[in-house]
Each structure stands twice: as C-alpha cells, then as structure tokens.
Amino acid sequence: MSTSRSGLLYGFGAYALWGVFPLYIKLLEDTGAIEILSHRVVWSLVLVLGLLAAARNLGKLRTLGRRSYGLLTLAALLICVNWGVYIWGVNNDHIVETSLGYFINPLVTVVLGVVVFGERLRRLQWAALGLAAVAVVVLTVDYGRPPWIALALAFSFGAYGLVKKKADVDAVESLAVETAVLFLPTLAYLVVLGANGTGDFGTAGWGTTLLLAGCGVVTAVPLLFFGAAAVRVPLSTLGTLQYLTPTLQFLLGVVVYGETVPPVRWVGFALIWTALAILTAEVLVRRQRARRAAVDRLVLDPTSAA
C-alpha cells in the first residue's frame, strides 16, 4: 500500500473514531462527567507510558526542556476543559451542539491567527467570519442562550492546537506529559469517590468498569492514527477530512439519539457550513495559485530549484 493511501486511511480512521466517540460516552451515561474525565486521564497515561516503554522512548521525556513542559502544562489545562465540556454535553443530550463546536473550530483557528500572530485576513476570510458571527447570533436566539457548549469546545480546542503547535512535541510524548500534569488531581478525585463509595469503577458492574478503563484506549488510538496520517498526507488533505468528525457527531445526535433541530437552528448551522465552504475554498484556491507561481518561476528560472 502506498504511503499516501495508508495516510488517507489513517486520517479517515482518526476522524471517524472521533466522530463516533459519543456512542462510547453514551454507554457511560449514568456515570458523572468528572469521573469519566478522570478515568480518561489516568488510563491514557498508563497506556502512553506503556507505548513509550515498549518503544524505548521514555528517555525522550527528559529531553523536552522547560519551555516544552510549560506549554504542554497549558495544553493539559485546555484539553481538560475540552474533554470535560464534551463529555458533559454528550451525556446531557447536547451532541448536536458539541458537533457545532467542532464545525466552528477552523473559524476559531483563523481568529487566533489574527489575535496571536497578527495575521491579516483576506476578504473571503472576513466573509466567512462574518457569516459565523451571524450564525452565533441566530443560534443564541434559538437556544435562548449563547451556544456556550459549542463555543467552549471550539475555543478550548483551537487554543489547544495553537499551544501544541508552539510546543512542537510528538503526539505520544505530548499526551504523556499532558496526562501526567492532570494525573494526581484526577487520581485523587477517583480515590475520594472510591473511599466514599460513590464511584462507578468496580461497583457499577464489570461492563462499566471495563468501559471506564477503556477510556485510555479510545483516547490514544485515534491520536496515534492522526499522527501517522500527518506524516503521510498533506495538511490540506487532513484539513478537509476534519469535517468528518462533526458531521458524524451531528448525524448521531439527530438520527440515533433523536435530538431535535428546529428550523431556526438549521439556519444557524447552514450559515456555519457556508462559512466553512468559503474558508476551505479560499485556502485551496490560494494554495493552487502558490503552486502555479512556483511552477512558473521554475520554468522561467530552472536554477531556482537548485
């Protein structure tokens, strides 16, 4: 199998697994969101440390440096917020709104580029952000409140991606540090639950216990798939595949779990989808023009390729 083809399969697998993750979380519907989050942290750390030990890469954790550890500590706090809000949203019948958060995320990334890096927006990017702003207003009117679940997910994950980019650490080592930062408080929380007899691990049946322990696997596997895809296919391809996750989540919310989407809410989603289409088209056209310009320079000056 070619590298690009295997990369596409890895990418599809990663985003598909993230897209159907609500099915897993819903199996733990009677378990508190913080308890699920805590098990996700604890078992993810156990798994990634095992993977690093098997690959004899544990030593890499000692070479990261203070800057990387500082950035990954911030990343840990951001992903903790993201995971917690996501789990709560899924198990409180807000899957459609969680999907909205990941539809909005690429637009948030553009905003962060302006705020953090001082990037200048082009006309189509301004148009996309304008449509997104109108969509948030429409959804606020429909929900009777700001779509805080979607906004919290979009901004926490967007900021998380930004911090991870600055840290520039491989996926497995990064997840090991992030979960290690959160390990002691989450473990302490689980110990308290166990001492009070209010935790579900080991008391709510083998099914629930295994599902809680399996949170580490369902966290790490798509991340490893994504890491494998990132080195095999262009980022533009991954950027297109990323919409698979919220699309699957949206379909699960509407088709499988019967969440209602009133007409006004459809208008809000349609505005977001239109904004994403504009943003994606702008990126693809710009990259195509850059490739053509590079080819033209090569034709005019063959020595430029040296």
C-alpha atoms as a PDB file:
ATOM      1  CA  MET A   1       0.000   0.000   0.000  1.00  0.00           C
ATOM      2  CA  SER A   2       1.360   3.432  -0.937  1.00  0.00           C
ATOM      3  CA  THR A   3       2.288   5.938   1.757  1.00  0.00           C
ATOM      4  CA  SER A   4      -0.369   8.439   0.654  1.00  0.00           C
ATOM      5  CA  ARG A   5      -3.070   5.784   0.579  1.00  0.00           C
ATOM      6  CA  SER A   6      -2.196   4.467   4.029  1.00  0.00           C
ATOM      7  CA  GLY A   7      -2.096   8.076   5.239  1.00  0.00           C
ATOM      8  CA  LEU A   8      -5.625   8.656   3.984  1.00  0.00           C
ATOM      9  CA  LEU A   9      -6.805   5.513   5.768  1.00  0.00           C
ATOM     10  CA  TYR A  10      -5.124   6.602   8.997  1.00  0.00           C
ATOM     11  CA  GLY A  11      -6.645  10.075   8.682  1.00  0.00           C
ATOM     12  CA  PHE A  12     -10.085   8.708   7.912  1.00  0.00           C
ATOM     13  CA  GLY A  13      -9.775   6.322  10.841  1.00  0.00           C
ATOM     14  CA  ALA A  14      -8.778   9.071  13.262  1.00  0.00           C
ATOM     15  CA  TYR A  15     -11.586  11.454  12.349  1.00  0.00           C
ATOM     16  CA  ALA A  16     -14.156   8.653  12.092  1.00  0.00           C
ATOM     17  CA  LEU A  17     -13.276   7.374  15.569  1.00  0.00           C
ATOM     18  CA  TRP A  18     -13.539  10.886  16.988  1.00  0.00           C
ATOM     19  CA  GLY A  19     -16.857  11.244  15.172  1.00  0.00           C
ATOM     20  CA  VAL A  20     -18.431   8.141  16.709  1.00  0.00           C
ATOM     21  CA  PHE A  21     -16.966   8.769  20.178  1.00  0.00           C
ATOM     22  CA  PRO A  22     -20.421   9.844  21.501  1.00  0.00           C
ATOM     23  CA  LEU A  23     -21.524   6.204  21.108  1.00  0.00           C
ATOM     24  CA  TYR A  24     -18.878   5.224  23.659  1.00  0.00           C
ATOM     25  CA  ILE A  25     -19.587   8.090  26.052  1.00  0.00           C
ATOM     26  CA  LYS A  26     -23.318   7.381  25.947  1.00  0.00           C
ATOM     27  CA  LEU A  27     -22.629   3.862  27.290  1.00  0.00           C
ATOM     28  CA  LEU A  28     -21.430   5.642  30.445  1.00  0.00           C
ATOM     29  CA  GLU A  29     -24.439   7.951  30.633  1.00  0.00           C
ATOM     30  CA  ASP A  30     -25.091   7.126  34.298  1.00  0.00           C
ATOM     31  CA  THR A  31     -21.514   7.972  35.285  1.00  0.00           C
ATOM     32  CA  GLY A  32     -20.601  11.546  36.193  1.00  0.00           C
ATOM     33  CA  ALA A  33     -18.705  13.603  33.628  1.00  0.00           C
ATOM     34  CA  ILE A  34     -15.827  14.348  36.030  1.00  0.00           C
ATOM     35  CA  GLU A  35     -15.411  10.667  36.854  1.00  0.00           C
ATOM     36  CA  ILE A  36     -15.288   9.768  33.147  1.00  0.00           C
ATOM     37  CA  LEU A  37     -12.807  12.577  32.535  1.00  0.00           C
ATOM     38  CA  SER A  38     -10.634  11.372  35.419  1.00  0.00           C
ATOM     39  CA  HIS A  39     -10.544   7.818  34.105  1.00  0.00           C
ATOM     40  CA  ARG A  40      -9.750   9.134  30.639  1.00  0.00           C
ATOM     41  CA  VAL A  41      -6.707  10.937  32.038  1.00  0.00           C
ATOM     42  CA  VAL A  42      -5.477   8.114  34.280  1.00  0.00           C
ATOM     43  CA  TRP A  43      -5.810   5.278  31.775  1.00  0.00           C
ATOM     44  CA  SER A  44      -4.459   7.368  28.905  1.00  0.00           C
ATOM     45  CA  LEU A  45      -1.299   7.997  30.917  1.00  0.00           C
ATOM     46  CA  VAL A  46      -0.936   4.295  31.689  1.00  0.00           C
ATOM     47  CA  LEU A  47      -1.319   3.431  28.015  1.00  0.00           C
ATOM     48  CA  VAL A  48       1.027   6.046  26.558  1.00  0.00           C
ATOM     49  CA  LEU A  49       3.732   5.304  29.153  1.00  0.00           C
ATOM     50  CA  GLY A  50       3.420   1.649  28.154  1.00  0.00           C
ATOM     51  CA  LEU A  51       3.792   2.572  24.481  1.00  0.00           C
ATOM     52  CA  LEU A  52       6.826   4.738  25.191  1.00  0.00           C
ATOM     53  CA  ALA A  53       8.399   1.991  27.295  1.00  0.00           C
ATOM     54  CA  ALA A  54       7.773  -0.634  24.600  1.00  0.00           C
ATOM     55  CA  ALA A  55       9.416   1.633  22.006  1.00  0.00           C
ATOM     56  CA  ARG A  56      12.203   2.522  24.459  1.00  0.00           C
ATOM     57  CA  ASN A  57      11.332   6.200  24.127  1.00  0.00           C
ATOM     58  CA  LEU A  58      10.734   7.072  27.778  1.00  0.00           C
ATOM     59  CA  GLY A  59      14.065   8.894  27.783  1.00  0.00           C
ATOM     60  CA  LYS A  60      12.663  11.450  25.348  1.00  0.00           C
ATOM     61  CA  LEU A  61      10.534  12.892  28.144  1.00  0.00           C
ATOM     62  CA  ARG A  62      13.710  14.071  29.909  1.00  0.00           C
ATOM     63  CA  THR A  63      14.918  15.991  26.839  1.00  0.00           C
ATOM     64  CA  LEU A  64      11.909  18.243  26.253  1.00  0.00           C
ATOM     65  CA  GLY A  65      13.085  21.285  28.201  1.00  0.00           C
ATOM     66  CA  ARG A  66      11.279  23.818  30.391  1.00  0.00           C
ATOM     67  CA  ARG A  67       9.600  25.657  27.533  1.00  0.00           C
ATOM     68  CA  SER A  68       8.005  22.499  26.166  1.00  0.00           C
ATOM     69  CA  TYR A  69       6.899  21.386  29.621  1.00  0.00           C
ATOM     70  CA  GLY A  70       5.399  24.797  30.297  1.00  0.00           C
ATOM     71  CA  LEU A  71       3.474  24.839  27.031  1.00  0.00           C
ATOM     72  CA  LEU A  72       2.274  21.261  27.498  1.00  0.00           C
ATOM     73  CA  THR A  73       1.070  22.109  31.005  1.00  0.00           C
ATOM     74  CA  LEU A  74      -1.076  24.847  29.479  1.00  0.00           C
ATOM     75  CA  ALA A  75      -2.204  22.385  26.794  1.00  0.00           C
ATOM     76  CA  ALA A  76      -3.198  19.933  29.531  1.00  0.00           C
ATOM     77  CA  LEU A  77      -5.450  22.521  31.182  1.00  0.00           C
ATOM     78  CA  LEU A  78      -7.069  23.393  27.849  1.00  0.00           C
ATOM     79  CA  ILE A  79      -7.731  19.777  26.861  1.00  0.00           C
ATOM     80  CA  CYS A  80      -9.089  19.104  30.351  1.00  0.00           C
ATOM     81  CA  VAL A  81     -11.693  21.826  29.796  1.00  0.00           C
ATOM     82  CA  ASN A  82     -12.402  20.495  26.300  1.00  0.00           C
ATOM     83  CA  TRP A  83     -12.846  16.886  27.399  1.00  0.00           C
ATOM     84  CA  GLY A  84     -14.954  17.843  30.403  1.00  0.00           C
ATOM     85  CA  VAL A  85     -17.357  20.045  28.437  1.00  0.00           C
ATOM     86  CA  TYR A  86     -17.576  17.464  25.646  1.00  0.00           C
ATOM     87  CA  ILE A  87     -18.394  14.565  27.983  1.00  0.00           C
ATOM     88  CA  TRP A  88     -20.966  16.639  29.855  1.00  0.00           C
ATOM     89  CA  GLY A  89     -22.543  17.802  26.595  1.00  0.00           C
ATOM     90  CA  VAL A  90     -22.833  14.297  25.135  1.00  0.00           C
ATOM     91  CA  ASN A  91     -24.331  12.773  28.268  1.00  0.00           C
ATOM     92  CA  ASN A  92     -26.793  15.632  28.686  1.00  0.00           C
ATOM     93  CA  ASP A  93     -28.251  15.274  25.173  1.00  0.00           C
ATOM     94  CA  HIS A  94     -26.337  18.125  23.512  1.00  0.00           C
ATOM     95  CA  ILE A  95     -24.500  16.075  20.864  1.00  0.00           C
ATOM     96  CA  VAL A  96     -25.686  18.373  18.072  1.00  0.00           C
ATOM     97  CA  GLU A  97     -24.274  21.384  19.911  1.00  0.00           C
ATOM     98  CA  THR A  98     -20.961  19.589  20.509  1.00  0.00           C
ATOM     99  CA  SER A  99     -20.762  18.961  16.770  1.00  0.00           C
ATOM    100  CA  LEU A 100     -21.305  22.677  16.202  1.00  0.00           C
ATOM    101  CA  GLY A 101     -18.226  23.352  18.333  1.00  0.00           C
ATOM    102  CA  TYR A 102     -16.012  21.328  16.021  1.00  0.00           C
ATOM    103  CA  PHE A 103     -17.596  22.878  12.931  1.00  0.00           C
ATOM    104  CA  ILE A 104     -16.728  26.305  14.366  1.00  0.00           C
ATOM    105  CA  ASN A 105     -13.183  25.271  15.336  1.00  0.00           C
ATOM    106  CA  PRO A 106     -11.498  26.063  11.944  1.00  0.00           C
ATOM    107  CA  LEU A 107     -13.003  29.552  12.094  1.00  0.00           C
ATOM    108  CA  VAL A 108     -11.685  29.994  15.637  1.00  0.00           C
ATOM    109  CA  THR A 109      -8.246  28.989  14.367  1.00  0.00           C
ATOM    110  CA  VAL A 110      -8.405  31.889  11.890  1.00  0.00           C
ATOM    111  CA  VAL A 111      -9.354  34.280  14.714  1.00  0.00           C
ATOM    112  CA  LEU A 112      -6.448  33.046  16.847  1.00  0.00           C
ATOM    113  CA  GLY A 113      -4.120  33.594  13.897  1.00  0.00           C
ATOM    114  CA  VAL A 114      -5.145  37.258  13.861  1.00  0.00           C
ATOM    115  CA  VAL A 115      -5.047  37.770  17.631  1.00  0.00           C
ATOM    116  CA  VAL A 116      -1.868  35.804  18.420  1.00  0.00           C
ATOM    117  CA  PHE A 117       0.197  36.073  15.249  1.00  0.00           C
ATOM    118  CA  GLY A 118      -1.133  39.366  13.878  1.00  0.00           C
ATOM    119  CA  GLU A 119      -2.154  37.759  10.585  1.00  0.00           C
ATOM    120  CA  ARG A 120      -4.117  39.868   8.122  1.00  0.00           C
ATOM    121  CA  LEU A 121      -7.392  38.445   6.893  1.00  0.00           C
ATOM    122  CA  ARG A 122      -8.321  38.330   3.226  1.00  0.00           C
ATOM    123  CA  ARG A 123     -11.783  39.287   2.002  1.00  0.00           C
ATOM    124  CA  LEU A 124     -13.183  35.776   1.861  1.00  0.00           C
ATOM    125  CA  GLN A 125     -11.891  35.054   5.365  1.00  0.00           C
ATOM    126  CA  TRP A 126     -13.673  38.172   6.624  1.00  0.00           C
ATOM    127  CA  ALA A 127     -16.830  36.995   4.857  1.00  0.00           C
ATOM    128  CA  ALA A 128     -16.575  33.566   6.477  1.00  0.00           C
ATOM    129  CA  LEU A 129     -16.104  35.059   9.951  1.00  0.00           C
ATOM    130  CA  GLY A 130     -18.980  37.460   9.363  1.00  0.00           C
ATOM    131  CA  LEU A 131     -21.298  34.565   8.490  1.00  0.00           C
ATOM    132  CA  ALA A 132     -20.107  32.682  11.570  1.00  0.00           C
ATOM    133  CA  ALA A 133     -20.865  35.689  13.780  1.00  0.00           C
ATOM    134  CA  VAL A 134     -24.375  35.939  12.339  1.00  0.00           C
ATOM    135  CA  ALA A 135     -24.800  32.190  12.911  1.00  0.00           C
ATOM    136  CA  VAL A 136     -23.878  32.537  16.589  1.00  0.00           C
ATOM    137  CA  VAL A 137     -26.465  35.312  16.972  1.00  0.00           C
ATOM    138  CA  VAL A 138     -29.127  33.172  15.251  1.00  0.00           C
ATOM    139  CA  LEU A 139     -28.296  30.167  17.451  1.00  0.00           C
ATOM    140  CA  THR A 140     -28.305  32.336  20.586  1.00  0.00           C
ATOM    141  CA  VAL A 141     -31.830  33.488  19.757  1.00  0.00           C
ATOM    142  CA  ASP A 142     -32.929  29.908  19.046  1.00  0.00           C
ATOM    143  CA  TYR A 143     -31.365  28.353  22.155  1.00  0.00           C
ATOM    144  CA  GLY A 144     -32.390  31.263  24.362  1.00  0.00           C
ATOM    145  CA  ARG A 145     -28.757  31.456  25.466  1.00  0.00           C
ATOM    146  CA  PRO A 146     -25.346  31.668  23.796  1.00  0.00           C
ATOM    147  CA  PRO A 147     -24.303  28.235  22.441  1.00  0.00           C
ATOM    148  CA  TRP A 148     -21.735  28.024  25.258  1.00  0.00           C
ATOM    149  CA  ILE A 149     -21.006  24.312  24.821  1.00  0.00           C
ATOM    150  CA  ALA A 150     -20.064  24.810  21.173  1.00  0.00           C
ATOM    151  CA  LEU A 151     -18.089  27.979  21.883  1.00  0.00           C
ATOM    152  CA  ALA A 152     -16.235  26.413  24.827  1.00  0.00           C
ATOM    153  CA  LEU A 153     -15.287  23.385  22.726  1.00  0.00           C
ATOM    154  CA  ALA A 154     -14.233  25.481  19.728  1.00  0.00           C
ATOM    155  CA  PHE A 155     -12.084  27.965  21.651  1.00  0.00           C
ATOM    156  CA  SER A 156     -10.533  25.432  24.047  1.00  0.00           C
ATOM    157  CA  PHE A 157      -9.599  23.087  21.197  1.00  0.00           C
ATOM    158  CA  GLY A 158      -8.436  25.938  18.977  1.00  0.00           C
ATOM    159  CA  ALA A 159      -6.188  27.275  21.736  1.00  0.00           C
ATOM    160  CA  TYR A 160      -5.030  23.727  22.492  1.00  0.00           C
ATOM    161  CA  GLY A 161      -3.960  23.249  18.881  1.00  0.00           C
ATOM    162  CA  LEU A 162      -2.126  26.569  18.928  1.00  0.00           C
ATOM    163  CA  VAL A 163      -0.211  25.687  22.107  1.00  0.00           C
ATOM    164  CA  LYS A 164       0.622  22.212  20.787  1.00  0.00           C
ATOM    165  CA  LYS A 165       1.954  23.750  17.590  1.00  0.00           C
ATOM    166  CA  LYS A 166       4.242  26.019  19.591  1.00  0.00           C
ATOM    167  CA  ALA A 167       5.391  23.119  21.782  1.00  0.00           C
ATOM    168  CA  ASP A 168       6.294  21.029  18.704  1.00  0.00           C
ATOM    169  CA  VAL A 169       6.397  17.686  20.557  1.00  0.00           C
ATOM    170  CA  ASP A 170       5.469  14.281  19.076  1.00  0.00           C
ATOM    171  CA  ALA A 171       1.900  13.097  19.757  1.00  0.00           C
ATOM    172  CA  VAL A 172       2.657  10.256  22.185  1.00  0.00           C
ATOM    173  CA  GLU A 173       5.219  12.209  24.237  1.00  0.00           C
ATOM    174  CA  SER A 174       2.878  15.194  24.274  1.00  0.00           C
ATOM    175  CA  LEU A 175      -0.079  13.149  25.524  1.00  0.00           C
ATOM    176  CA  ALA A 176       2.155  11.561  28.173  1.00  0.00           C
ATOM    177  CA  VAL A 177       3.125  14.974  29.579  1.00  0.00           C
ATOM    178  CA  GLU A 178      -0.406  16.375  29.365  1.00  0.00           C
ATOM    179  CA  THR A 179      -1.967  13.425  31.190  1.00  0.00           C
ATOM    180  CA  ALA A 180       0.888  13.386  33.728  1.00  0.00           C
ATOM    181  CA  VAL A 181       0.087  17.015  34.590  1.00  0.00           C
ATOM    182  CA  LEU A 182      -3.530  16.063  35.257  1.00  0.00           C
ATOM    183  CA  PHE A 183      -2.787  12.659  36.801  1.00  0.00           C
ATOM    184  CA  LEU A 184      -2.503  13.460  40.522  1.00  0.00           C
ATOM    185  CA  PRO A 185      -5.668  15.608  40.863  1.00  0.00           C
ATOM    186  CA  THR A 186      -7.754  13.183  38.795  1.00  0.00           C
ATOM    187  CA  LEU A 187      -6.399  10.146  40.658  1.00  0.00           C
ATOM    188  CA  ALA A 188      -7.094  11.873  43.979  1.00  0.00           C
ATOM    189  CA  TYR A 189     -10.661  12.519  42.834  1.00  0.00           C
ATOM    190  CA  LEU A 190     -11.133   8.845  41.951  1.00  0.00           C
ATOM    191  CA  VAL A 191      -9.658   7.761  45.294  1.00  0.00           C
ATOM    192  CA  VAL A 192     -12.117  10.030  47.135  1.00  0.00           C
ATOM    193  CA  LEU A 193     -15.010   8.618  45.106  1.00  0.00           C
ATOM    194  CA  GLY A 194     -13.892   5.096  45.922  1.00  0.00           C
ATOM    195  CA  ALA A 195     -13.499   5.860  49.632  1.00  0.00           C
ATOM    196  CA  ASN A 196     -16.995   7.390  49.740  1.00  0.00           C
ATOM    197  CA  GLY A 197     -18.487   4.525  47.767  1.00  0.00           C
ATOM    198  CA  THR A 198     -19.870   6.946  45.166  1.00  0.00           C
ATOM    199  CA  GLY A 199     -17.673   5.975  42.223  1.00  0.00           C
ATOM    200  CA  ASP A 200     -18.793   3.607  39.477  1.00  0.00           C
ATOM    201  CA  PHE A 201     -15.425   1.898  38.910  1.00  0.00           C
ATOM    202  CA  GLY A 202     -15.659  -1.611  40.338  1.00  0.00           C
ATOM    203  CA  THR A 203     -19.112  -1.031  41.828  1.00  0.00           C
ATOM    204  CA  ALA A 204     -21.425  -0.490  38.836  1.00  0.00           C
ATOM    205  CA  GLY A 205     -20.721  -3.835  37.167  1.00  0.00           C
ATOM    206  CA  TRP A 206     -17.954  -5.223  35.001  1.00  0.00           C
ATOM    207  CA  GLY A 207     -19.302  -3.544  31.886  1.00  0.00           C
ATOM    208  CA  THR A 208     -18.995  -0.039  33.309  1.00  0.00           C
ATOM    209  CA  THR A 209     -15.618  -0.833  34.879  1.00  0.00           C
ATOM    210  CA  LEU A 210     -14.191  -2.062  31.570  1.00  0.00           C
ATOM    211  CA  LEU A 211     -15.631   0.916  29.705  1.00  0.00           C
ATOM    212  CA  LEU A 212     -14.006   3.338  32.155  1.00  0.00           C
ATOM    213  CA  ALA A 213     -10.660   1.554  31.863  1.00  0.00           C
ATOM    214  CA  GLY A 214     -11.054   1.562  28.073  1.00  0.00           C
ATOM    215  CA  CYS A 215     -11.184   5.374  28.026  1.00  0.00           C
ATOM    216  CA  GLY A 216      -7.407   5.338  27.646  1.00  0.00           C
ATOM    217  CA  VAL A 217      -7.570   3.222  24.505  1.00  0.00           C
ATOM    218  CA  VAL A 218     -10.308   5.267  22.827  1.00  0.00           C
ATOM    219  CA  THR A 219      -8.325   8.419  23.603  1.00  0.00           C
ATOM    220  CA  ALA A 220      -4.930   7.237  22.373  1.00  0.00           C
ATOM    221  CA  VAL A 221      -5.809   5.175  19.269  1.00  0.00           C
ATOM    222  CA  PRO A 222      -7.293   7.995  17.121  1.00  0.00           C
ATOM    223  CA  LEU A 223      -4.468  10.260  18.235  1.00  0.00           C
ATOM    224  CA  LEU A 224      -1.909   7.711  17.053  1.00  0.00           C
ATOM    225  CA  PHE A 225      -3.810   7.332  13.770  1.00  0.00           C
ATOM    226  CA  PHE A 226      -3.756  11.103  13.340  1.00  0.00           C
ATOM    227  CA  GLY A 227      -0.024  11.210  13.995  1.00  0.00           C
ATOM    228  CA  ALA A 228       0.539   8.513  11.377  1.00  0.00           C
ATOM    229  CA  ALA A 229      -1.617  10.390   8.859  1.00  0.00           C
ATOM    230  CA  ALA A 230       0.087  13.740   9.468  1.00  0.00           C
ATOM    231  CA  VAL A 231       3.447  12.450   8.208  1.00  0.00           C
ATOM    232  CA  ARG A 232       1.961  10.730   5.147  1.00  0.00           C
ATOM    233  CA  VAL A 233      -0.517  13.181   3.591  1.00  0.00           C
ATOM    234  CA  PRO A 234      -0.586  16.982   3.111  1.00  0.00           C
ATOM    235  CA  LEU A 235      -2.164  19.106   5.830  1.00  0.00           C
ATOM    236  CA  SER A 236      -4.676  20.377   3.261  1.00  0.00           C
ATOM    237  CA  THR A 237      -5.999  16.826   2.959  1.00  0.00           C
ATOM    238  CA  LEU A 238      -6.259  16.462   6.729  1.00  0.00           C
ATOM    239  CA  GLY A 239      -7.963  19.855   6.836  1.00  0.00           C
ATOM    240  CA  THR A 240     -10.682  18.529   4.546  1.00  0.00           C
ATOM    241  CA  LEU A 241     -11.032  15.256   6.467  1.00  0.00           C
ATOM    242  CA  GLN A 242     -11.520  17.103   9.773  1.00  0.00           C
ATOM    243  CA  TYR A 243     -15.133  17.885   8.883  1.00  0.00           C
ATOM    244  CA  LEU A 244     -15.894  14.162   9.064  1.00  0.00           C
ATOM    245  CA  THR A 245     -15.827  14.293  12.879  1.00  0.00           C
ATOM    246  CA  PRO A 246     -18.530  16.936  13.500  1.00  0.00           C
ATOM    247  CA  THR A 247     -20.595  15.586  10.589  1.00  0.00           C
ATOM    248  CA  LEU A 248     -20.743  12.132  12.191  1.00  0.00           C
ATOM    249  CA  GLN A 249     -21.472  13.688  15.577  1.00  0.00           C
ATOM    250  CA  PHE A 250     -24.291  15.760  14.096  1.00  0.00           C
ATOM    251  CA  LEU A 251     -25.815  12.694  12.420  1.00  0.00           C
ATOM    252  CA  LEU A 252     -25.572  10.683  15.637  1.00  0.00           C
ATOM    253  CA  GLY A 253     -27.315  13.423  17.574  1.00  0.00           C
ATOM    254  CA  VAL A 254     -30.170  13.767  15.076  1.00  0.00           C
ATOM    255  CA  VAL A 255     -30.607  10.243  13.691  1.00  0.00           C
ATOM    256  CA  VAL A 256     -29.516   7.933  16.513  1.00  0.00           C
ATOM    257  CA  TYR A 257     -30.366   9.917  19.654  1.00  0.00           C
ATOM    258  CA  GLY A 258     -33.293  11.901  18.264  1.00  0.00           C
ATOM    259  CA  GLU A 259     -32.158  15.399  19.236  1.00  0.00           C
ATOM    260  CA  THR A 260     -34.461  17.990  17.715  1.00  0.00           C
ATOM    261  CA  VAL A 261     -33.153  20.663  15.366  1.00  0.00           C
ATOM    262  CA  PRO A 262     -35.757  23.449  14.974  1.00  0.00           C
ATOM    263  CA  PRO A 263     -35.906  25.361  11.665  1.00  0.00           C
ATOM    264  CA  VAL A 264     -34.098  28.406  13.064  1.00  0.00           C
ATOM    265  CA  ARG A 265     -31.256  26.174  14.289  1.00  0.00           C
ATOM    266  CA  TRP A 266     -30.945  24.693  10.793  1.00  0.00           C
ATOM    267  CA  VAL A 267     -30.448  28.253   9.532  1.00  0.00           C
ATOM    268  CA  GLY A 268     -27.623  28.754  12.036  1.00  0.00           C
ATOM    269  CA  PHE A 269     -25.932  25.526  11.016  1.00  0.00           C
ATOM    270  CA  ALA A 270     -26.380  26.379   7.335  1.00  0.00           C
ATOM    271  CA  LEU A 271     -24.591  29.691   7.899  1.00  0.00           C
ATOM    272  CA  ILE A 272     -21.710  27.887   9.628  1.00  0.00           C
ATOM    273  CA  TRP A 273     -21.469  25.329   6.820  1.00  0.00           C
ATOM    274  CA  THR A 274     -21.465  28.121   4.234  1.00  0.00           C
ATOM    275  CA  ALA A 275     -18.699  29.913   6.150  1.00  0.00           C
ATOM    276  CA  LEU A 276     -16.655  26.705   6.228  1.00  0.00           C
ATOM    277  CA  ALA A 277     -17.174  26.162   2.500  1.00  0.00           C
ATOM    278  CA  ILE A 278     -15.923  29.707   1.794  1.00  0.00           C
ATOM    279  CA  LEU A 279     -12.950  29.261   4.105  1.00  0.00           C
ATOM    280  CA  THR A 280     -11.984  25.893   2.619  1.00  0.00           C
ATOM    281  CA  ALA A 281     -12.364  27.140  -0.963  1.00  0.00           C
ATOM    282  CA  GLU A 282     -10.224  30.196  -0.186  1.00  0.00           C
ATOM    283  CA  VAL A 283      -7.433  28.037   1.238  1.00  0.00           C
ATOM    284  CA  LEU A 284      -7.494  25.578  -1.669  1.00  0.00           C
ATOM    285  CA  VAL A 285      -7.510  28.328  -4.321  1.00  0.00           C
ATOM    286  CA  ARG A 286      -4.669  30.162  -2.601  1.00  0.00           C
ATOM    287  CA  ARG A 287      -2.557  27.004  -2.423  1.00  0.00           C
ATOM    288  CA  GLN A 288      -3.263  26.205  -6.061  1.00  0.00           C
ATOM    289  CA  ARG A 289      -2.129  29.702  -7.062  1.00  0.00           C
ATOM    290  CA  ALA A 290       1.026  29.291  -4.966  1.00  0.00           C
ATOM    291  CA  ARG A 291       1.825  26.013  -6.745  1.00  0.00           C
ATOM    292  CA  ARG A 292       1.282  27.599 -10.165  1.00  0.00           C
ATOM    293  CA  ALA A 293       3.504  30.539  -9.234  1.00  0.00           C
ATOM    294  CA  ALA A 294       6.225  28.116  -8.124  1.00  0.00           C
ATOM    295  CA  VAL A 295       5.976  26.213 -11.418  1.00  0.00           C
ATOM    296  CA  ASP A 296       6.116  29.469 -13.390  1.00  0.00           C
ATOM    297  CA  ARG A 297       9.248  30.553 -11.512  1.00  0.00           C
ATOM    298  CA  LEU A 298      10.841  27.183 -12.213  1.00  0.00           C
ATOM    299  CA  VAL A 299      10.057  27.473 -15.923  1.00  0.00           C
ATOM    300  CA  LEU A 300      11.462  30.990 -16.121  1.00  0.00           C
ATOM    301  CA  ASP A 301      14.473  30.221 -13.952  1.00  0.00           C
ATOM    302  CA  PRO A 302      15.358  26.481 -13.803  1.00  0.00           C
ATOM    303  CA  THR A 303      18.299  27.238 -11.488  1.00  0.00           C
ATOM    304  CA  SER A 304      15.830  28.291  -8.725  1.00  0.00           C
ATOM    305  CA  ALA A 305      15.181  24.605  -7.987  1.00  0.00           C
ATOM    306  CA  ALA A 306      18.812  24.027  -7.048  1.00  0.00           C
END
